[in-house]
Amino acid sequence: MDPISGTINFILNGVGQVFFMGSPLVGILFVIGLYINSKRAAGFAVAGSIAGSLVGLALGIELVPASLSSPDNALIYGIFGFNSVLTAIALGDTFLEKGRTATTAAIIGALVTGFITASLIAVTRTFGLPVETSAFVLTTWIFLFAAHKFSNLKLARPPPAPKQRSTLLKNPNDTEKKEPLHLSEFSHGGFVKLVFTGIAQVFFQENWLTGVLIFVGLTLASVSLTPYGFPAQYPIYFAGITAFIGTLSATLAGIAFHADRSSVLIGLYGFNGTLTSLAVMGVFLGFLWPISPFNGSPINFFVMLFACAFSSVVTAFIGTITGRFSLPTLTAPFVFTSWLIELGAKIFPSISPAILFLLTSGSIPALMPLINHFALVLL
């Protein structure tokens, strides 16, 4: 394995794993999507993946080629990188006042997140749950709380509204209204832009073009960039569509419940639905229909829709609590919602859990080393 291409691959895998896709092709499309909206965000995404992975490497996780014959390495899959990616962007480019102090906090935070990822894996696997983005949420909240006591660590002021926000509604001035938002107010194509913005907000980017590139990356998630690229975790050829439907469902739920107009228009009621949809249908639970060798059931689709809509309620619930402390909700609603659904799936026999099916199937011995890796390390 070429050390240079191998190193680039596992760094990009860490970026792609934010959406559960450990693929260098996905990772590079995500970085490009970030770059068109914020060069700093793109830089911190790469730095975060490196920092989190270095923690794993320094503390004894061996770096070996990713393949079905040697799946014992969480570094190649990006498992120690993706939480650090989000922490670095959140602290270095979004929630802290930009400068050297924020940059330092972002790097330290990304390194700490790498360790906390391992700590939380040790906890969540006790309950048979994936760690998801819980390490990012915990670390970022710690730093943002600490900012109230550190004079050099200042919370960022709300940025000016991007130009795209004025294109979402028929009357641009209506973006500042206090009344609940209605679907009839959207301009031609405005609502579709909002859905893509919700996808982009997973990386804290209010830019629908960034969301489109993420959508393209998810759609191509099963394609390997080089012979050394991590093979598709699961055959989710419809990951882009799944993310779009999840964001759409969560956004519509926010509008239906008359959520805060500004929060809806910047995509804050959509992005948790993005991650929830991918987690619930296709990654940790089963598919809409059987895709050899993975199980599936139509009921999973309706469970996904329910989960995404519920994530909007959880967003408001957690936002009410964090708002009292001037903290963002981050991806906590996604973590909370998906954990509840994944735990419930252990009881309801009509829901097809993908991982359980894999672990109990004797028809796919070639995949068993990879399955054991995800059961013992990722879960």
Protein backbone atom coordinates (compact mmCIF):
# COMPACT_ATOMS: atom_id res chain seq x y z
CA MET A 1 0.00 0.00 0.00
CA ASP A 2 1.35 3.42 -0.98
CA PRO A 3 1.77 5.30 2.35
CA ILE A 4 0.80 8.64 0.82
CA SER A 5 -2.41 7.49 -0.86
CA GLY A 6 -3.25 5.33 2.15
CA THR A 7 -2.87 8.28 4.52
CA ILE A 8 -4.99 10.54 2.31
CA ASN A 9 -7.66 7.86 2.13
CA PHE A 10 -8.05 7.34 5.85
CA ILE A 11 -8.18 11.11 6.43
CA LEU A 12 -10.93 11.48 3.82
CA ASN A 13 -12.73 8.45 5.29
CA GLY A 14 -12.96 10.34 8.58
CA VAL A 15 -14.75 13.23 6.84
CA GLY A 16 -17.08 10.84 5.00
CA GLN A 17 -17.93 8.99 8.21
CA VAL A 18 -19.82 12.05 9.44
CA PHE A 19 -22.57 10.60 7.23
CA PHE A 20 -21.56 6.98 7.97
CA MET A 21 -19.75 6.66 4.64
CA GLY A 22 -16.11 5.65 5.08
CA SER A 23 -15.09 6.34 1.50
CA PRO A 24 -12.38 8.67 0.16
CA LEU A 25 -14.59 9.67 -2.78
CA VAL A 26 -17.35 10.72 -0.41
CA GLY A 27 -14.84 12.50 1.82
CA ILE A 28 -13.32 14.57 -0.97
CA LEU A 29 -16.76 15.63 -2.25
CA PHE A 30 -17.67 16.69 1.28
CA VAL A 31 -14.47 18.74 1.59
CA ILE A 32 -15.19 20.43 -1.77
CA GLY A 33 -18.72 21.17 -0.61
CA LEU A 34 -17.38 22.78 2.54
CA TYR A 35 -14.75 24.72 0.59
CA ILE A 36 -17.29 26.48 -1.66
CA ASN A 37 -18.95 27.93 1.43
CA SER A 38 -16.08 28.25 3.90
CA LYS A 39 -12.39 27.58 3.32
CA ARG A 40 -11.86 27.53 7.08
CA ALA A 41 -14.52 24.85 7.52
CA ALA A 42 -12.89 22.68 4.84
CA GLY A 43 -9.49 23.11 6.48
CA PHE A 44 -10.81 22.27 9.93
CA ALA A 45 -12.61 19.21 8.57
CA VAL A 46 -9.31 17.80 7.32
CA ALA A 47 -7.46 18.89 10.47
CA GLY A 48 -10.13 17.31 12.67
CA SER A 49 -9.93 13.99 10.87
CA ILE A 50 -6.14 14.00 11.21
CA ALA A 51 -6.28 14.93 14.91
CA GLY A 52 -8.82 12.28 15.86
CA SER A 53 -7.02 9.60 13.89
CA LEU A 54 -3.64 10.56 15.39
CA VAL A 55 -5.06 9.98 18.86
CA GLY A 56 -6.06 6.45 17.88
CA LEU A 57 -2.70 5.85 16.22
CA ALA A 58 -0.71 7.24 19.16
CA LEU A 59 -2.69 5.17 21.66
CA GLY A 60 -2.10 1.86 19.95
CA ILE A 61 -4.65 1.44 17.15
CA GLU A 62 -2.67 -0.16 14.31
CA LEU A 63 -2.91 1.36 10.84
CA VAL A 64 -3.27 -1.43 8.28
CA PRO A 65 -4.85 -1.61 4.79
CA ALA A 66 -8.63 -1.67 4.74
CA SER A 67 -9.91 -4.92 3.30
CA LEU A 68 -12.23 -7.76 4.14
CA SER A 69 -9.23 -9.80 5.23
CA SER A 70 -7.95 -7.20 7.70
CA PRO A 71 -10.84 -5.22 9.15
CA ASP A 72 -9.45 -4.84 12.67
CA ASN A 73 -8.58 -1.22 12.25
CA ALA A 74 -10.99 1.56 13.07
CA LEU A 75 -8.55 4.23 11.82
CA ILE A 76 -8.91 3.30 8.15
CA TYR A 77 -12.68 3.34 8.48
CA GLY A 78 -12.62 6.87 9.92
CA ILE A 79 -14.23 5.84 13.21
CA PHE A 80 -11.82 7.94 15.28
CA GLY A 81 -11.97 10.86 12.87
CA PHE A 82 -15.56 11.85 12.17
CA ASN A 83 -16.46 13.17 15.63
CA SER A 84 -13.26 15.21 15.62
CA VAL A 85 -14.15 16.60 12.19
CA LEU A 86 -17.37 18.09 13.56
CA THR A 87 -15.71 19.36 16.74
CA ALA A 88 -12.97 21.14 14.77
CA ILE A 89 -15.47 22.88 12.47
CA ALA A 90 -17.79 23.79 15.35
CA LEU A 91 -15.06 25.38 17.48
CA GLY A 92 -12.78 26.74 14.77
CA ASP A 93 -15.29 28.13 12.30
CA THR A 94 -18.79 28.32 13.77
CA PHE A 95 -19.48 28.88 17.46
CA LEU A 96 -16.33 30.64 18.69
CA GLU A 97 -15.05 34.04 17.62
CA LYS A 98 -12.54 33.34 14.86
CA GLY A 99 -8.88 33.80 15.71
CA ARG A 100 -5.85 32.05 17.12
CA THR A 101 -7.63 31.11 20.33
CA ALA A 102 -10.49 29.47 18.44
CA THR A 103 -8.02 27.63 16.22
CA THR A 104 -6.15 26.35 19.25
CA ALA A 105 -9.40 25.31 20.91
CA ALA A 106 -10.47 23.52 17.71
CA ILE A 107 -7.27 21.47 17.52
CA ILE A 108 -7.28 20.63 21.22
CA GLY A 109 -10.98 19.84 21.02
CA ALA A 110 -10.45 17.53 18.04
CA LEU A 111 -7.71 15.65 19.90
CA VAL A 112 -9.85 15.36 23.04
CA THR A 113 -12.77 14.15 20.93
CA GLY A 114 -10.64 11.32 19.57
CA PHE A 115 -10.13 10.05 23.10
CA ILE A 116 -13.74 10.66 24.17
CA THR A 117 -14.89 8.72 21.11
CA ALA A 118 -13.13 5.65 22.49
CA SER A 119 -14.51 6.34 25.97
CA LEU A 120 -18.09 6.52 24.72
CA ILE A 121 -17.67 3.45 22.50
CA ALA A 122 -16.83 1.56 25.69
CA VAL A 123 -20.12 2.80 27.19
CA THR A 124 -22.50 2.56 24.21
CA ARG A 125 -21.46 -0.93 23.15
CA THR A 126 -22.68 -2.14 26.56
CA PHE A 127 -26.17 -1.32 25.33
CA GLY A 128 -25.53 -2.52 21.78
CA LEU A 129 -25.58 1.03 20.41
CA PRO A 130 -23.25 2.87 18.02
CA VAL A 131 -21.34 5.85 19.33
CA GLU A 132 -22.61 8.07 16.49
CA THR A 133 -21.80 11.77 17.04
CA SER A 134 -22.14 11.71 20.83
CA ALA A 135 -18.42 12.39 21.37
CA PHE A 136 -18.61 15.53 19.24
CA VAL A 137 -21.68 16.79 21.11
CA LEU A 138 -20.14 16.21 24.54
CA THR A 139 -16.75 17.76 23.73
CA THR A 140 -18.21 20.80 21.97
CA TRP A 141 -20.65 21.52 24.78
CA ILE A 142 -17.77 21.31 27.28
CA PHE A 143 -15.73 23.88 25.34
CA LEU A 144 -18.68 26.21 24.77
CA PHE A 145 -19.61 26.05 28.46
CA ALA A 146 -15.98 26.76 29.34
CA ALA A 147 -16.05 29.85 27.13
CA HIS A 148 -18.16 31.56 29.79
CA LYS A 149 -15.20 31.35 32.18
CA PHE A 150 -12.28 31.91 29.78
CA SER A 151 -11.97 35.54 28.72
CA ASN A 152 -9.95 34.67 25.59
CA LEU A 153 -12.49 32.08 24.46
CA LYS A 154 -15.37 34.15 23.15
CA LEU A 155 -18.62 32.90 21.67
CA ALA A 156 -19.19 34.06 18.11
CA ARG A 157 -21.87 36.56 17.28
CA PRO A 158 -24.59 35.50 14.82
CA PRO A 159 -23.18 35.88 11.29
CA PRO A 160 -24.96 38.00 8.68
CA ALA A 161 -27.64 36.17 6.75
CA PRO A 162 -26.29 34.67 3.51
CA LYS A 163 -27.79 35.89 0.25
CA GLN A 164 -29.44 32.56 -0.41
CA ARG A 165 -31.87 33.05 2.48
CA SER A 166 -33.61 35.86 0.64
CA THR A 167 -34.23 33.53 -2.33
CA LEU A 168 -36.17 30.97 -0.32
CA LEU A 169 -39.40 32.96 0.03
CA LYS A 170 -41.55 34.80 -2.50
CA ASN A 171 -41.13 37.97 -0.45
CA PRO A 172 -37.50 38.24 0.79
CA ASN A 173 -38.55 40.56 3.60
CA ASP A 174 -40.68 37.80 5.11
CA THR A 175 -37.59 36.01 6.39
CA GLU A 176 -37.56 38.41 9.35
CA LYS A 177 -41.22 37.96 10.30
CA LYS A 178 -42.12 36.46 13.66
CA GLU A 179 -45.17 34.51 12.48
CA PRO A 180 -44.94 30.75 11.85
CA LEU A 181 -43.74 29.72 8.40
CA HIS A 182 -46.14 28.26 5.80
CA LEU A 183 -45.32 26.24 2.69
CA SER A 184 -47.24 28.71 0.52
CA GLU A 185 -44.59 31.36 1.28
CA PHE A 186 -41.77 29.55 -0.51
CA SER A 187 -40.57 30.73 -3.89
CA HIS A 188 -40.24 28.43 -6.88
CA GLY A 189 -37.49 26.03 -5.89
CA GLY A 190 -37.08 27.72 -2.51
CA PHE A 191 -38.25 24.76 -0.49
CA VAL A 192 -35.91 22.38 -2.33
CA LYS A 193 -33.03 24.75 -1.56
CA LEU A 194 -34.06 24.67 2.10
CA VAL A 195 -33.93 20.87 2.16
CA PHE A 196 -30.41 20.87 0.69
CA THR A 197 -29.46 23.56 3.22
CA GLY A 198 -30.66 21.25 5.97
CA ILE A 199 -28.30 18.56 4.67
CA ALA A 200 -25.42 21.07 4.63
CA GLN A 201 -26.16 22.12 8.22
CA VAL A 202 -24.77 18.80 9.44
CA PHE A 203 -21.45 20.59 8.82
CA PHE A 204 -22.91 23.94 10.06
CA GLN A 205 -23.01 25.37 6.52
CA GLU A 206 -25.98 27.46 5.40
CA ASN A 207 -25.45 26.86 1.70
CA TRP A 208 -27.70 24.73 -0.48
CA LEU A 209 -24.90 24.09 -3.00
CA THR A 210 -22.89 22.49 -0.20
CA GLY A 211 -25.92 20.30 0.46
CA VAL A 212 -26.09 19.31 -3.20
CA LEU A 213 -22.44 18.18 -3.18
CA ILE A 214 -23.06 16.18 0.00
CA PHE A 215 -26.07 14.62 -1.72
CA VAL A 216 -23.89 13.67 -4.70
CA GLY A 217 -21.27 12.23 -2.37
CA LEU A 218 -23.85 10.09 -0.58
CA THR A 219 -25.24 8.90 -3.91
CA LEU A 220 -21.74 7.77 -4.93
CA ALA A 221 -20.98 6.25 -1.53
CA SER A 222 -20.57 2.74 -2.91
CA VAL A 223 -17.82 3.80 -5.36
CA SER A 224 -14.20 3.38 -4.26
CA LEU A 225 -11.78 6.16 -5.23
CA THR A 226 -8.68 3.95 -5.48
CA PRO A 227 -7.82 0.28 -4.99
CA TYR A 228 -6.97 1.24 -1.41
CA GLY A 229 -10.32 2.88 -0.74
CA PHE A 230 -12.48 1.36 1.96
CA PRO A 231 -15.11 -0.86 0.30
CA ALA A 232 -18.74 0.13 0.84
CA GLN A 233 -19.82 -0.64 4.38
CA TYR A 234 -23.25 -1.55 3.13
CA PRO A 235 -24.74 -1.46 -0.39
CA ILE A 236 -26.59 1.82 0.26
CA TYR A 237 -26.90 2.90 -3.35
CA PHE A 238 -29.76 5.20 -2.35
CA ALA A 239 -28.05 7.00 0.54
CA GLY A 240 -28.50 10.41 -1.12
CA ILE A 241 -32.23 9.89 -1.59
CA THR A 242 -32.55 8.57 1.96
CA ALA A 243 -30.84 11.68 3.36
CA PHE A 244 -33.03 13.96 1.23
CA ILE A 245 -36.23 12.24 2.40
CA GLY A 246 -35.08 12.37 6.01
CA THR A 247 -34.30 16.08 5.83
CA LEU A 248 -37.58 16.74 4.03
CA SER A 249 -39.59 14.88 6.69
CA ALA A 250 -37.90 16.66 9.59
CA THR A 251 -38.29 20.08 7.94
CA LEU A 252 -41.98 19.51 7.20
CA ALA A 253 -42.52 18.42 10.81
CA GLY A 254 -40.88 21.63 12.03
CA ILE A 255 -43.13 23.71 9.79
CA ALA A 256 -46.24 21.73 10.78
CA PHE A 257 -45.53 22.28 14.47
CA HIS A 258 -44.93 26.01 13.83
CA ALA A 259 -41.30 26.00 14.88
CA ASP A 260 -39.36 29.26 15.03
CA ARG A 261 -39.32 30.75 11.51
CA SER A 262 -35.63 31.69 11.55
CA SER A 263 -34.56 28.25 12.78
CA VAL A 264 -36.51 26.54 10.03
CA LEU A 265 -35.19 28.83 7.29
CA ILE A 266 -31.55 28.18 8.15
CA GLY A 267 -32.07 24.41 8.12
CA LEU A 268 -31.84 23.73 11.83
CA TYR A 269 -34.98 21.58 11.77
CA GLY A 270 -33.66 19.47 8.92
CA PHE A 271 -30.10 18.34 9.57
CA ASN A 272 -30.85 16.01 12.47
CA GLY A 273 -33.36 14.30 10.21
CA THR A 274 -30.58 13.86 7.64
CA LEU A 275 -28.45 11.77 9.97
CA THR A 276 -31.41 10.04 11.56
CA SER A 277 -32.65 8.79 8.19
CA LEU A 278 -29.30 7.23 7.31
CA ALA A 279 -28.86 5.68 10.74
CA VAL A 280 -32.35 4.25 10.96
CA MET A 281 -32.71 2.88 7.43
CA GLY A 282 -29.64 1.33 5.94
CA VAL A 283 -26.79 1.65 8.41
CA PHE A 284 -27.84 0.36 11.83
CA LEU A 285 -31.29 -0.95 10.91
CA GLY A 286 -32.37 -2.75 7.77
CA PHE A 287 -33.31 -1.55 4.30
CA LEU A 288 -36.63 -0.84 2.64
CA TRP A 289 -36.34 -4.16 0.80
CA PRO A 290 -33.90 -7.09 1.00
CA ILE A 291 -30.58 -6.37 -0.72
CA SER A 292 -28.41 -9.47 -0.71
CA PRO A 293 -26.95 -10.27 1.74
CA PHE A 294 -28.74 -7.69 3.90
CA ASN A 295 -32.21 -8.00 5.33
CA GLY A 296 -34.94 -5.47 4.74
CA SER A 297 -38.59 -4.68 5.32
CA PRO A 298 -41.00 -1.98 4.09
CA ILE A 299 -41.78 -1.21 7.72
CA ASN A 300 -38.28 0.23 8.07
CA PHE A 301 -39.20 3.04 5.69
CA PHE A 302 -42.14 4.12 7.83
CA VAL A 303 -40.05 3.81 10.98
CA MET A 304 -37.52 6.12 9.32
CA LEU A 305 -40.19 8.72 8.47
CA PHE A 306 -41.48 8.58 12.03
CA ALA A 307 -37.98 8.91 13.45
CA CYS A 308 -37.11 11.90 11.25
CA ALA A 309 -40.33 13.73 12.12
CA PHE A 310 -39.78 12.93 15.79
CA SER A 311 -36.25 14.33 15.56
CA SER A 312 -37.83 17.76 14.99
CA VAL A 313 -39.75 17.43 18.25
CA VAL A 314 -36.55 16.36 20.00
CA THR A 315 -34.76 19.33 18.42
CA ALA A 316 -37.27 21.69 20.03
CA PHE A 317 -37.08 19.76 23.32
CA ILE A 318 -33.28 19.84 23.56
CA GLY A 319 -33.16 23.38 22.17
CA THR A 320 -35.36 24.58 25.02
CA ILE A 321 -32.82 23.22 27.49
CA THR A 322 -29.60 24.24 25.73
CA GLY A 323 -31.02 27.66 24.88
CA ARG A 324 -31.06 28.53 28.57
CA PHE A 325 -27.30 28.20 28.55
CA SER A 326 -26.72 29.82 25.14
CA LEU A 327 -25.66 26.48 23.69
CA PRO A 328 -26.57 25.04 20.27
CA THR A 329 -28.39 21.71 20.05
CA LEU A 330 -25.73 20.35 17.66
CA THR A 331 -26.55 16.77 16.63
CA ALA A 332 -27.85 15.79 20.07
CA PRO A 333 -31.43 15.37 18.71
CA PHE A 334 -30.15 12.89 16.13
CA VAL A 335 -28.19 10.91 18.73
CA PHE A 336 -31.12 10.82 21.16
CA THR A 337 -33.69 9.90 18.49
CA SER A 338 -31.64 7.24 16.74
CA TRP A 339 -30.63 5.60 20.03
CA LEU A 340 -34.30 5.34 21.03
CA ILE A 341 -35.23 3.81 17.67
CA GLU A 342 -32.27 1.42 17.66
CA LEU A 343 -33.10 0.23 21.19
CA GLY A 344 -36.75 -0.22 20.26
CA ALA A 345 -35.75 -2.27 17.23
CA LYS A 346 -34.36 -4.89 19.60
CA ILE A 347 -37.90 -5.50 20.86
CA PHE A 348 -40.05 -5.13 17.73
CA PRO A 349 -39.56 -8.20 15.49
CA SER A 350 -41.05 -6.47 12.42
CA ILE A 351 -38.12 -4.05 12.23
CA SER A 352 -35.18 -5.59 10.40
CA PRO A 353 -31.89 -4.69 12.10
CA ALA A 354 -29.14 -4.98 9.48
CA ILE A 355 -26.35 -5.75 11.93
CA LEU A 356 -28.31 -8.41 13.81
CA PHE A 357 -29.11 -10.11 10.52
CA LEU A 358 -25.47 -10.09 9.53
CA LEU A 359 -24.34 -11.48 12.86
CA THR A 360 -26.80 -14.39 12.72
CA SER A 361 -26.51 -15.23 9.03
CA GLY A 362 -24.39 -18.18 8.01
CA SER A 363 -24.62 -17.42 4.31
CA ILE A 364 -21.97 -14.72 4.17
CA PRO A 365 -18.79 -16.14 5.73
CA ALA A 366 -16.59 -13.86 3.60
CA LEU A 367 -18.00 -10.83 5.40
CA MET A 368 -17.78 -12.19 8.92
CA PRO A 369 -14.38 -10.58 9.77
CA LEU A 370 -15.80 -7.19 8.78
CA ILE A 371 -18.99 -7.87 10.70
CA ASN A 372 -17.07 -8.81 13.83
CA HIS A 373 -15.13 -5.56 13.54
CA PHE A 374 -18.26 -3.44 13.49
CA ALA A 375 -19.89 -5.44 16.25
CA LEU A 376 -16.92 -5.11 18.59
CA VAL A 377 -15.47 -1.73 17.66
CA LEU A 378 -18.15 0.45 16.09
CA LEU A 379 -20.95 -0.67 18.38
